[in-house]
Amino acid sequence: MLKNLFKSLLRITLGVVIGVPLVLYPLLYFFQEKILFFPQPIHPEIAQWATLHYPHAAQRLDIENGQSLQGWYVKAKPSRQAPLLLYFGGNAEEVTGFLSYKDELPGIGMVTFNYRGYGGSDGQPGEQALFDDALRIYDHFGNLPEVDTRRIIVMGRSLGTGVAVYLAAQRPVHRLILTSPYDSIQSLAQAQYPYVPINWLLKHPFDSLARAPHIKTPVLAFVGGNDRIIPASHAETLLQAWGGETHKVLIPQADHNTLGNSQNYWQQIRDFLKVDNNGSL
């Protein structure tokens, strides 16, 4: 009787051990976009504020199949050719609010677009889609006559650091600013789920580490010592592999959502860019 009971328990145990992955892995594969991307709508009050303060900044940029991205372009005030900053947000960020930082970088134009499915942008987000759109944004706005093509700055936060790194690997970038950067989404996911074959399941690896050695652009990286979403070790791995000059700002008490609010955050960016009161680099 005990022998038969043992066999029954063994069959149940094996069924759980084998059955759970068979159910879990397809779920992870087919629903990973909902885990990685959290599209946000435009808050009406923020949209109203942006339209009031920057009445000519609203933009739409065609992508494909009659779809377009929604975003903003705030021109630099000087009439001369000026630097341009391209900003790429986090995975749950509607980027209109980033315009509130425009005055932190006087004399520098600012472009920021919502990812597909975010804000007023059409389509569905995905790694290749975000990469393709970053190139479109760079190629369109970086070649405007009022833009100094030698001084295009790219900035990314969290998920957007992977987009920014990709863009720096594909196009000339004067300076790169990364807030909460990571080596790869695959590495982050594997650390969270050590027994899951992430490399087999992941469709959106955002492998910044593979691109880092080939990029010579100077980079400024802000790292939160208390960041539980992207631990500091992942930023360290990326910076150690970087092919150019690196500047790291470790803020020990900052977490993932407070890092950009840290004291002297924008002053350190201005120092890195060598921006004076007129926006000169």
C-alpha atoms as a PDB file:
ATOM      1  CA  MET A   1       0.000   0.000   0.000  1.00  0.00           C
ATOM      2  CA  LEU A   2       2.824   2.409   0.917  1.00  0.00           C
ATOM      3  CA  LYS A   3       4.543   1.504  -2.354  1.00  0.00           C
ATOM      4  CA  ASN A   4       1.416   2.353  -4.341  1.00  0.00           C
ATOM      5  CA  LEU A   5       0.991   5.595  -2.384  1.00  0.00           C
ATOM      6  CA  PHE A   6       4.577   6.566  -3.132  1.00  0.00           C
ATOM      7  CA  LYS A   7       4.041   5.927  -6.846  1.00  0.00           C
ATOM      8  CA  SER A   8       0.917   8.074  -6.801  1.00  0.00           C
ATOM      9  CA  LEU A   9       2.729  10.924  -5.064  1.00  0.00           C
ATOM     10  CA  LEU A  10       5.595  10.651  -7.537  1.00  0.00           C
ATOM     11  CA  ARG A  11       3.226  10.885 -10.488  1.00  0.00           C
ATOM     12  CA  ILE A  12       1.548  13.965  -8.973  1.00  0.00           C
ATOM     13  CA  THR A  13       4.904  15.606  -8.241  1.00  0.00           C
ATOM     14  CA  LEU A  14       6.222  14.972 -11.732  1.00  0.00           C
ATOM     15  CA  GLY A  15       2.970  16.272 -13.162  1.00  0.00           C
ATOM     16  CA  VAL A  16       3.415  19.528 -11.268  1.00  0.00           C
ATOM     17  CA  VAL A  17       7.126  19.865 -12.093  1.00  0.00           C
ATOM     18  CA  ILE A  18       6.584  19.195 -15.789  1.00  0.00           C
ATOM     19  CA  GLY A  19       3.090  20.643 -16.155  1.00  0.00           C
ATOM     20  CA  VAL A  20       3.730  24.039 -14.577  1.00  0.00           C
ATOM     21  CA  PRO A  21       6.507  24.984 -17.040  1.00  0.00           C
ATOM     22  CA  LEU A  22       4.420  23.678 -19.932  1.00  0.00           C
ATOM     23  CA  VAL A  23       1.696  26.115 -18.912  1.00  0.00           C
ATOM     24  CA  LEU A  24       3.942  28.930 -17.675  1.00  0.00           C
ATOM     25  CA  TYR A  25       6.359  29.151 -20.604  1.00  0.00           C
ATOM     26  CA  PRO A  26       3.706  29.724 -23.311  1.00  0.00           C
ATOM     27  CA  LEU A  27       2.091  32.351 -21.071  1.00  0.00           C
ATOM     28  CA  LEU A  28       5.428  34.132 -20.651  1.00  0.00           C
ATOM     29  CA  TYR A  29       6.072  33.963 -24.382  1.00  0.00           C
ATOM     30  CA  PHE A  30       2.710  35.154 -25.646  1.00  0.00           C
ATOM     31  CA  PHE A  31       2.005  37.741 -22.935  1.00  0.00           C
ATOM     32  CA  GLN A  32       5.479  39.194 -22.453  1.00  0.00           C
ATOM     33  CA  GLU A  33       4.495  42.464 -24.167  1.00  0.00           C
ATOM     34  CA  LYS A  34       1.973  43.051 -21.375  1.00  0.00           C
ATOM     35  CA  ILE A  35       4.731  42.406 -18.834  1.00  0.00           C
ATOM     36  CA  LEU A  36       7.291  44.682 -20.503  1.00  0.00           C
ATOM     37  CA  PHE A  37       5.167  47.538 -21.882  1.00  0.00           C
ATOM     38  CA  PHE A  38       2.596  49.578 -19.947  1.00  0.00           C
ATOM     39  CA  PRO A  39       1.109  52.103 -22.430  1.00  0.00           C
ATOM     40  CA  GLN A  40      -0.222  55.240 -20.766  1.00  0.00           C
ATOM     41  CA  PRO A  41      -2.766  57.732 -22.134  1.00  0.00           C
ATOM     42  CA  ILE A  42      -2.182  61.475 -22.160  1.00  0.00           C
ATOM     43  CA  HIS A  43      -3.618  63.056 -19.049  1.00  0.00           C
ATOM     44  CA  PRO A  44      -5.949  65.879 -20.184  1.00  0.00           C
ATOM     45  CA  GLU A  45      -4.479  68.394 -17.739  1.00  0.00           C
ATOM     46  CA  ILE A  46      -0.918  67.666 -18.871  1.00  0.00           C
ATOM     47  CA  ALA A  47      -1.951  67.941 -22.524  1.00  0.00           C
ATOM     48  CA  GLN A  48      -3.639  71.260 -21.810  1.00  0.00           C
ATOM     49  CA  TRP A  49      -0.552  72.532 -20.002  1.00  0.00           C
ATOM     50  CA  ALA A  50       1.745  71.503 -22.867  1.00  0.00           C
ATOM     51  CA  THR A  51      -0.472  73.126 -25.489  1.00  0.00           C
ATOM     52  CA  LEU A  52      -0.654  76.320 -23.458  1.00  0.00           C
ATOM     53  CA  HIS A  53       3.106  76.601 -22.868  1.00  0.00           C
ATOM     54  CA  TYR A  54       4.263  75.202 -26.214  1.00  0.00           C
ATOM     55  CA  PRO A  55       1.440  75.971 -28.668  1.00  0.00           C
ATOM     56  CA  HIS A  56       3.441  75.090 -31.787  1.00  0.00           C
ATOM     57  CA  ALA A  57       5.264  72.026 -30.448  1.00  0.00           C
ATOM     58  CA  ALA A  58       2.721  69.243 -31.115  1.00  0.00           C
ATOM     59  CA  GLN A  59       3.911  66.830 -33.808  1.00  0.00           C
ATOM     60  CA  ARG A  60       2.866  63.700 -35.656  1.00  0.00           C
ATOM     61  CA  LEU A  61       5.405  61.530 -37.436  1.00  0.00           C
ATOM     62  CA  ASP A  62       4.323  58.944 -40.008  1.00  0.00           C
ATOM     63  CA  ILE A  63       5.485  55.372 -39.465  1.00  0.00           C
ATOM     64  CA  GLU A  64       3.772  52.781 -41.677  1.00  0.00           C
ATOM     65  CA  ASN A  65       0.364  51.472 -42.731  1.00  0.00           C
ATOM     66  CA  GLY A  66      -1.145  54.921 -42.340  1.00  0.00           C
ATOM     67  CA  GLN A  67      -0.145  55.073 -38.675  1.00  0.00           C
ATOM     68  CA  SER A  68       1.773  57.811 -36.909  1.00  0.00           C
ATOM     69  CA  LEU A  69       3.491  58.710 -33.663  1.00  0.00           C
ATOM     70  CA  GLN A  70       2.428  61.576 -31.418  1.00  0.00           C
ATOM     71  CA  GLY A  71       5.025  63.780 -29.814  1.00  0.00           C
ATOM     72  CA  TRP A  72       6.530  67.199 -29.282  1.00  0.00           C
ATOM     73  CA  TYR A  73       9.302  69.335 -30.725  1.00  0.00           C
ATOM     74  CA  VAL A  74      10.262  72.470 -28.818  1.00  0.00           C
ATOM     75  CA  LYS A  75      12.664  74.559 -30.835  1.00  0.00           C
ATOM     76  CA  ALA A  76      15.676  76.238 -29.297  1.00  0.00           C
ATOM     77  CA  LYS A  77      15.198  79.986 -28.935  1.00  0.00           C
ATOM     78  CA  PRO A  78      18.421  81.136 -30.633  1.00  0.00           C
ATOM     79  CA  SER A  79      18.081  81.716 -34.358  1.00  0.00           C
ATOM     80  CA  ARG A  80      21.454  80.088 -34.988  1.00  0.00           C
ATOM     81  CA  GLN A  81      21.816  76.343 -35.399  1.00  0.00           C
ATOM     82  CA  ALA A  82      21.370  74.818 -31.961  1.00  0.00           C
ATOM     83  CA  PRO A  83      21.911  71.472 -30.224  1.00  0.00           C
ATOM     84  CA  LEU A  84      18.999  69.041 -30.067  1.00  0.00           C
ATOM     85  CA  LEU A  85      18.050  66.566 -27.340  1.00  0.00           C
ATOM     86  CA  LEU A  86      16.050  63.433 -28.174  1.00  0.00           C
ATOM     87  CA  TYR A  87      14.353  61.820 -25.159  1.00  0.00           C
ATOM     88  CA  PHE A  88      13.085  58.227 -24.838  1.00  0.00           C
ATOM     89  CA  GLY A  89      10.940  57.382 -21.822  1.00  0.00           C
ATOM     90  CA  GLY A  90      10.331  54.477 -19.491  1.00  0.00           C
ATOM     91  CA  ASN A  91       8.039  51.516 -20.043  1.00  0.00           C
ATOM     92  CA  ALA A  92       5.117  53.165 -18.219  1.00  0.00           C
ATOM     93  CA  GLU A  93       5.814  56.764 -19.224  1.00  0.00           C
ATOM     94  CA  GLU A  94       3.703  59.090 -21.300  1.00  0.00           C
ATOM     95  CA  VAL A  95       6.362  61.610 -22.271  1.00  0.00           C
ATOM     96  CA  THR A  96       4.421  64.883 -22.507  1.00  0.00           C
ATOM     97  CA  GLY A  97       5.391  65.728 -18.937  1.00  0.00           C
ATOM     98  CA  PHE A  98       9.068  65.705 -19.898  1.00  0.00           C
ATOM     99  CA  LEU A  99       8.516  69.103 -21.536  1.00  0.00           C
ATOM    100  CA  SER A 100       8.433  70.585 -18.030  1.00  0.00           C
ATOM    101  CA  TYR A 101      12.226  70.182 -17.968  1.00  0.00           C
ATOM    102  CA  LYS A 102      12.824  72.229 -21.118  1.00  0.00           C
ATOM    103  CA  ASP A 103      14.082  75.256 -19.176  1.00  0.00           C
ATOM    104  CA  GLU A 104      16.757  73.096 -17.528  1.00  0.00           C
ATOM    105  CA  LEU A 105      18.642  73.090 -20.831  1.00  0.00           C
ATOM    106  CA  PRO A 106      18.472  76.615 -22.255  1.00  0.00           C
ATOM    107  CA  GLY A 107      19.365  76.990 -25.894  1.00  0.00           C
ATOM    108  CA  ILE A 108      18.839  73.304 -26.675  1.00  0.00           C
ATOM    109  CA  GLY A 109      15.906  72.032 -28.715  1.00  0.00           C
ATOM    110  CA  MET A 110      13.917  69.107 -27.354  1.00  0.00           C
ATOM    111  CA  VAL A 111      12.141  66.232 -29.111  1.00  0.00           C
ATOM    112  CA  THR A 112      10.165  63.525 -27.379  1.00  0.00           C
ATOM    113  CA  PHE A 113       7.646  61.094 -28.858  1.00  0.00           C
ATOM    114  CA  ASN A 114       5.369  58.526 -27.287  1.00  0.00           C
ATOM    115  CA  TYR A 115       6.098  54.920 -28.153  1.00  0.00           C
ATOM    116  CA  ARG A 116       3.566  53.058 -30.266  1.00  0.00           C
ATOM    117  CA  GLY A 117       0.400  52.544 -28.261  1.00  0.00           C
ATOM    118  CA  TYR A 118       1.390  55.227 -25.739  1.00  0.00           C
ATOM    119  CA  GLY A 119      -0.227  58.651 -25.525  1.00  0.00           C
ATOM    120  CA  GLY A 120      -1.677  59.480 -28.919  1.00  0.00           C
ATOM    121  CA  SER A 121       0.639  57.204 -30.905  1.00  0.00           C
ATOM    122  CA  ASP A 122      -0.779  54.458 -33.096  1.00  0.00           C
ATOM    123  CA  GLY A 123       0.302  50.815 -33.218  1.00  0.00           C
ATOM    124  CA  GLN A 124       1.731  48.310 -30.761  1.00  0.00           C
ATOM    125  CA  PRO A 125       5.070  48.600 -28.934  1.00  0.00           C
ATOM    126  CA  GLY A 126       7.906  46.147 -29.476  1.00  0.00           C
ATOM    127  CA  GLU A 127      11.677  46.228 -29.521  1.00  0.00           C
ATOM    128  CA  GLN A 128      12.093  46.483 -33.292  1.00  0.00           C
ATOM    129  CA  ALA A 129       9.259  48.994 -33.564  1.00  0.00           C
ATOM    130  CA  LEU A 130      10.870  51.258 -30.942  1.00  0.00           C
ATOM    131  CA  PHE A 131      14.251  50.947 -32.645  1.00  0.00           C
ATOM    132  CA  ASP A 132      12.833  51.745 -36.086  1.00  0.00           C
ATOM    133  CA  ASP A 133      10.938  54.741 -34.722  1.00  0.00           C
ATOM    134  CA  ALA A 134      14.036  56.087 -32.958  1.00  0.00           C
ATOM    135  CA  LEU A 135      15.835  56.139 -36.304  1.00  0.00           C
ATOM    136  CA  ARG A 136      12.865  57.909 -37.921  1.00  0.00           C
ATOM    137  CA  ILE A 137      12.824  60.533 -35.195  1.00  0.00           C
ATOM    138  CA  TYR A 138      16.568  61.114 -35.438  1.00  0.00           C
ATOM    139  CA  ASP A 139      16.591  61.280 -39.233  1.00  0.00           C
ATOM    140  CA  HIS A 140      13.627  63.665 -39.402  1.00  0.00           C
ATOM    141  CA  PHE A 141      14.426  66.151 -36.649  1.00  0.00           C
ATOM    142  CA  GLY A 142      18.196  65.815 -36.701  1.00  0.00           C
ATOM    143  CA  ASN A 143      18.285  67.107 -40.269  1.00  0.00           C
ATOM    144  CA  LEU A 144      16.153  70.213 -39.759  1.00  0.00           C
ATOM    145  CA  PRO A 145      17.984  73.394 -40.818  1.00  0.00           C
ATOM    146  CA  GLU A 146      17.863  74.914 -37.326  1.00  0.00           C
ATOM    147  CA  VAL A 147      19.571  71.883 -35.765  1.00  0.00           C
ATOM    148  CA  ASP A 148      23.335  71.554 -35.365  1.00  0.00           C
ATOM    149  CA  THR A 149      23.843  67.988 -36.596  1.00  0.00           C
ATOM    150  CA  ARG A 150      27.187  67.785 -34.768  1.00  0.00           C
ATOM    151  CA  ARG A 151      25.494  68.277 -31.393  1.00  0.00           C
ATOM    152  CA  ILE A 152      22.627  65.822 -31.172  1.00  0.00           C
ATOM    153  CA  ILE A 153      22.161  64.572 -27.613  1.00  0.00           C
ATOM    154  CA  VAL A 154      20.241  61.402 -26.807  1.00  0.00           C
ATOM    155  CA  MET A 155      18.684  60.739 -23.415  1.00  0.00           C
ATOM    156  CA  GLY A 156      16.870  57.649 -22.173  1.00  0.00           C
ATOM    157  CA  ARG A 157      15.245  56.548 -18.951  1.00  0.00           C
ATOM    158  CA  SER A 158      14.806  52.926 -17.818  1.00  0.00           C
ATOM    159  CA  LEU A 159      13.441  51.003 -20.822  1.00  0.00           C
ATOM    160  CA  GLY A 160      14.316  54.019 -22.962  1.00  0.00           C
ATOM    161  CA  THR A 161      18.029  53.609 -22.204  1.00  0.00           C
ATOM    162  CA  GLY A 162      17.974  50.540 -24.450  1.00  0.00           C
ATOM    163  CA  VAL A 163      16.454  52.626 -27.246  1.00  0.00           C
ATOM    164  CA  ALA A 164      19.006  55.396 -26.663  1.00  0.00           C
ATOM    165  CA  VAL A 165      21.929  52.957 -26.738  1.00  0.00           C
ATOM    166  CA  TYR A 166      20.637  51.408 -29.948  1.00  0.00           C
ATOM    167  CA  LEU A 167      20.347  54.846 -31.552  1.00  0.00           C
ATOM    168  CA  ALA A 168      23.881  55.770 -30.480  1.00  0.00           C
ATOM    169  CA  ALA A 169      25.106  52.578 -32.142  1.00  0.00           C
ATOM    170  CA  GLN A 170      23.371  53.497 -35.411  1.00  0.00           C
ATOM    171  CA  ARG A 171      23.745  57.276 -35.744  1.00  0.00           C
ATOM    172  CA  PRO A 172      26.264  59.992 -34.758  1.00  0.00           C
ATOM    173  CA  VAL A 173      25.482  61.156 -31.218  1.00  0.00           C
ATOM    174  CA  HIS A 174      27.355  63.938 -29.443  1.00  0.00           C
ATOM    175  CA  ARG A 175      26.501  62.922 -25.872  1.00  0.00           C
ATOM    176  CA  LEU A 176      24.412  60.149 -24.293  1.00  0.00           C
ATOM    177  CA  ILE A 177      22.540  60.457 -20.972  1.00  0.00           C
ATOM    178  CA  LEU A 178      21.131  57.318 -19.344  1.00  0.00           C
ATOM    179  CA  THR A 179      18.963  57.208 -16.216  1.00  0.00           C
ATOM    180  CA  SER A 180      18.587  53.718 -14.695  1.00  0.00           C
ATOM    181  CA  PRO A 181      20.410  51.921 -17.524  1.00  0.00           C
ATOM    182  CA  TYR A 182      20.629  48.132 -17.847  1.00  0.00           C
ATOM    183  CA  ASP A 183      22.833  45.666 -19.678  1.00  0.00           C
ATOM    184  CA  SER A 184      19.886  43.814 -21.248  1.00  0.00           C
ATOM    185  CA  ILE A 185      16.270  42.987 -20.526  1.00  0.00           C
ATOM    186  CA  GLN A 186      17.273  39.343 -20.834  1.00  0.00           C
ATOM    187  CA  SER A 187      19.773  39.753 -18.003  1.00  0.00           C
ATOM    188  CA  LEU A 188      17.222  41.542 -15.815  1.00  0.00           C
ATOM    189  CA  ALA A 189      14.580  38.890 -16.453  1.00  0.00           C
ATOM    190  CA  GLN A 190      16.991  36.013 -15.891  1.00  0.00           C
ATOM    191  CA  ALA A 191      17.961  37.449 -12.510  1.00  0.00           C
ATOM    192  CA  GLN A 192      14.274  37.547 -11.535  1.00  0.00           C
ATOM    193  CA  TYR A 193      13.477  34.087 -12.914  1.00  0.00           C
ATOM    194  CA  PRO A 194      16.702  32.080 -12.624  1.00  0.00           C
ATOM    195  CA  TYR A 195      15.098  28.727 -13.482  1.00  0.00           C
ATOM    196  CA  VAL A 196      13.243  29.906 -16.593  1.00  0.00           C
ATOM    197  CA  PRO A 197      14.966  29.636 -20.018  1.00  0.00           C
ATOM    198  CA  ILE A 198      14.592  33.361 -20.706  1.00  0.00           C
ATOM    199  CA  ASN A 199      16.858  33.243 -23.763  1.00  0.00           C
ATOM    200  CA  TRP A 200      14.396  30.865 -25.442  1.00  0.00           C
ATOM    201  CA  LEU A 201      11.297  32.870 -24.568  1.00  0.00           C
ATOM    202  CA  LEU A 202      12.252  36.527 -24.801  1.00  0.00           C
ATOM    203  CA  LYS A 203      11.253  38.374 -27.978  1.00  0.00           C
ATOM    204  CA  HIS A 204      12.474  41.790 -26.853  1.00  0.00           C
ATOM    205  CA  PRO A 205      15.979  41.397 -25.369  1.00  0.00           C
ATOM    206  CA  PHE A 206      17.065  45.076 -25.661  1.00  0.00           C
ATOM    207  CA  ASP A 207      20.678  43.918 -25.583  1.00  0.00           C
ATOM    208  CA  SER A 208      22.576  47.126 -24.826  1.00  0.00           C
ATOM    209  CA  LEU A 209      25.571  45.144 -23.582  1.00  0.00           C
ATOM    210  CA  ALA A 210      26.243  43.713 -27.036  1.00  0.00           C
ATOM    211  CA  ARG A 211      26.281  47.229 -28.533  1.00  0.00           C
ATOM    212  CA  ALA A 212      28.269  48.980 -25.787  1.00  0.00           C
ATOM    213  CA  PRO A 213      31.837  48.081 -26.874  1.00  0.00           C
ATOM    214  CA  HIS A 214      31.263  49.569 -30.322  1.00  0.00           C
ATOM    215  CA  ILE A 215      29.966  52.952 -29.109  1.00  0.00           C
ATOM    216  CA  LYS A 216      32.505  55.739 -28.626  1.00  0.00           C
ATOM    217  CA  THR A 217      29.986  58.402 -27.559  1.00  0.00           C
ATOM    218  CA  PRO A 218      30.664  59.767 -24.050  1.00  0.00           C
ATOM    219  CA  VAL A 219      27.963  58.595 -21.665  1.00  0.00           C
ATOM    220  CA  LEU A 220      26.613  59.928 -18.374  1.00  0.00           C
ATOM    221  CA  ALA A 221      24.774  57.288 -16.341  1.00  0.00           C
ATOM    222  CA  PHE A 222      22.607  57.931 -13.277  1.00  0.00           C
ATOM    223  CA  VAL A 223      22.339  54.867 -11.043  1.00  0.00           C
ATOM    224  CA  GLY A 224      20.089  54.437  -8.021  1.00  0.00           C
ATOM    225  CA  GLY A 225      21.656  52.567  -5.137  1.00  0.00           C
ATOM    226  CA  ASN A 226      18.193  51.538  -3.930  1.00  0.00           C
ATOM    227  CA  ASP A 227      16.802  50.653  -7.358  1.00  0.00           C
ATOM    228  CA  ARG A 228      15.077  47.264  -7.040  1.00  0.00           C
ATOM    229  CA  ILE A 229      13.768  47.218 -10.615  1.00  0.00           C
ATOM    230  CA  ILE A 230      17.141  47.763 -12.307  1.00  0.00           C
ATOM    231  CA  PRO A 231      19.813  46.984  -9.700  1.00  0.00           C
ATOM    232  CA  ALA A 232      23.039  48.970  -9.900  1.00  0.00           C
ATOM    233  CA  SER A 233      25.029  45.884 -10.945  1.00  0.00           C
ATOM    234  CA  HIS A 234      23.330  45.891 -14.358  1.00  0.00           C
ATOM    235  CA  ALA A 235      24.432  49.480 -14.991  1.00  0.00           C
ATOM    236  CA  GLU A 236      27.952  48.603 -13.868  1.00  0.00           C
ATOM    237  CA  THR A 237      28.104  45.740 -16.358  1.00  0.00           C
ATOM    238  CA  LEU A 238      27.033  48.045 -19.175  1.00  0.00           C
ATOM    239  CA  LEU A 239      29.519  50.791 -18.285  1.00  0.00           C
ATOM    240  CA  GLN A 240      32.419  48.368 -17.941  1.00  0.00           C
ATOM    241  CA  ALA A 241      31.822  47.252 -21.529  1.00  0.00           C
ATOM    242  CA  TRP A 242      31.398  50.780 -22.914  1.00  0.00           C
ATOM    243  CA  GLY A 243      33.699  51.687 -25.800  1.00  0.00           C
ATOM    244  CA  GLY A 244      34.038  55.372 -24.929  1.00  0.00           C
ATOM    245  CA  GLU A 245      34.279  57.777 -22.038  1.00  0.00           C
ATOM    246  CA  THR A 246      31.969  56.998 -19.094  1.00  0.00           C
ATOM    247  CA  HIS A 247      30.669  59.123 -16.227  1.00  0.00           C
ATOM    248  CA  LYS A 248      28.666  57.442 -13.474  1.00  0.00           C
ATOM    249  CA  VAL A 249      26.601  59.205 -10.832  1.00  0.00           C
ATOM    250  CA  LEU A 250      25.589  56.778  -8.075  1.00  0.00           C
ATOM    251  CA  ILE A 251      22.869  58.139  -5.815  1.00  0.00           C
ATOM    252  CA  PRO A 252      22.762  55.666  -2.904  1.00  0.00           C
ATOM    253  CA  GLN A 253      19.302  56.468  -1.501  1.00  0.00           C
ATOM    254  CA  ALA A 254      17.513  56.861  -4.836  1.00  0.00           C
ATOM    255  CA  ASP A 255      15.163  54.195  -6.121  1.00  0.00           C
ATOM    256  CA  HIS A 256      13.890  53.605  -9.645  1.00  0.00           C
ATOM    257  CA  ASN A 257      11.209  56.294  -9.515  1.00  0.00           C
ATOM    258  CA  THR A 258      13.055  58.997  -7.561  1.00  0.00           C
ATOM    259  CA  LEU A 259      16.410  58.969  -9.325  1.00  0.00           C
ATOM    260  CA  GLY A 260      15.513  61.802 -11.698  1.00  0.00           C
ATOM    261  CA  ASN A 261      14.341  63.956  -8.795  1.00  0.00           C
ATOM    262  CA  SER A 262      17.677  63.821  -7.022  1.00  0.00           C
ATOM    263  CA  GLN A 263      19.434  67.020  -6.036  1.00  0.00           C
ATOM    264  CA  ASN A 264      21.788  68.375  -8.716  1.00  0.00           C
ATOM    265  CA  TYR A 265      20.430  65.916 -11.307  1.00  0.00           C
ATOM    266  CA  TRP A 266      20.037  68.580 -13.994  1.00  0.00           C
ATOM    267  CA  GLN A 267      23.130  70.486 -12.914  1.00  0.00           C
ATOM    268  CA  GLN A 268      25.201  67.359 -13.457  1.00  0.00           C
ATOM    269  CA  ILE A 269      23.638  66.976 -16.905  1.00  0.00           C
ATOM    270  CA  ARG A 270      24.499  70.596 -17.734  1.00  0.00           C
ATOM    271  CA  ASP A 271      28.047  70.058 -16.523  1.00  0.00           C
ATOM    272  CA  PHE A 272      28.366  66.916 -18.645  1.00  0.00           C
ATOM    273  CA  LEU A 273      27.065  68.736 -21.711  1.00  0.00           C
ATOM    274  CA  LYS A 274      29.133  71.837 -20.888  1.00  0.00           C
ATOM    275  CA  VAL A 275      26.032  73.959 -21.296  1.00  0.00           C
ATOM    276  CA  ASP A 276      26.299  77.664 -20.433  1.00  0.00           C
ATOM    277  CA  ASN A 277      23.355  79.998 -19.842  1.00  0.00           C
ATOM    278  CA  ASN A 278      22.928  80.435 -23.582  1.00  0.00           C
ATOM    279  CA  GLY A 279      22.843  76.725 -24.308  1.00  0.00           C
ATOM    280  CA  SER A 280      26.268  76.627 -25.898  1.00  0.00           C
ATOM    281  CA  LEU A 281      28.145  73.319 -25.803  1.00  0.00           C
END
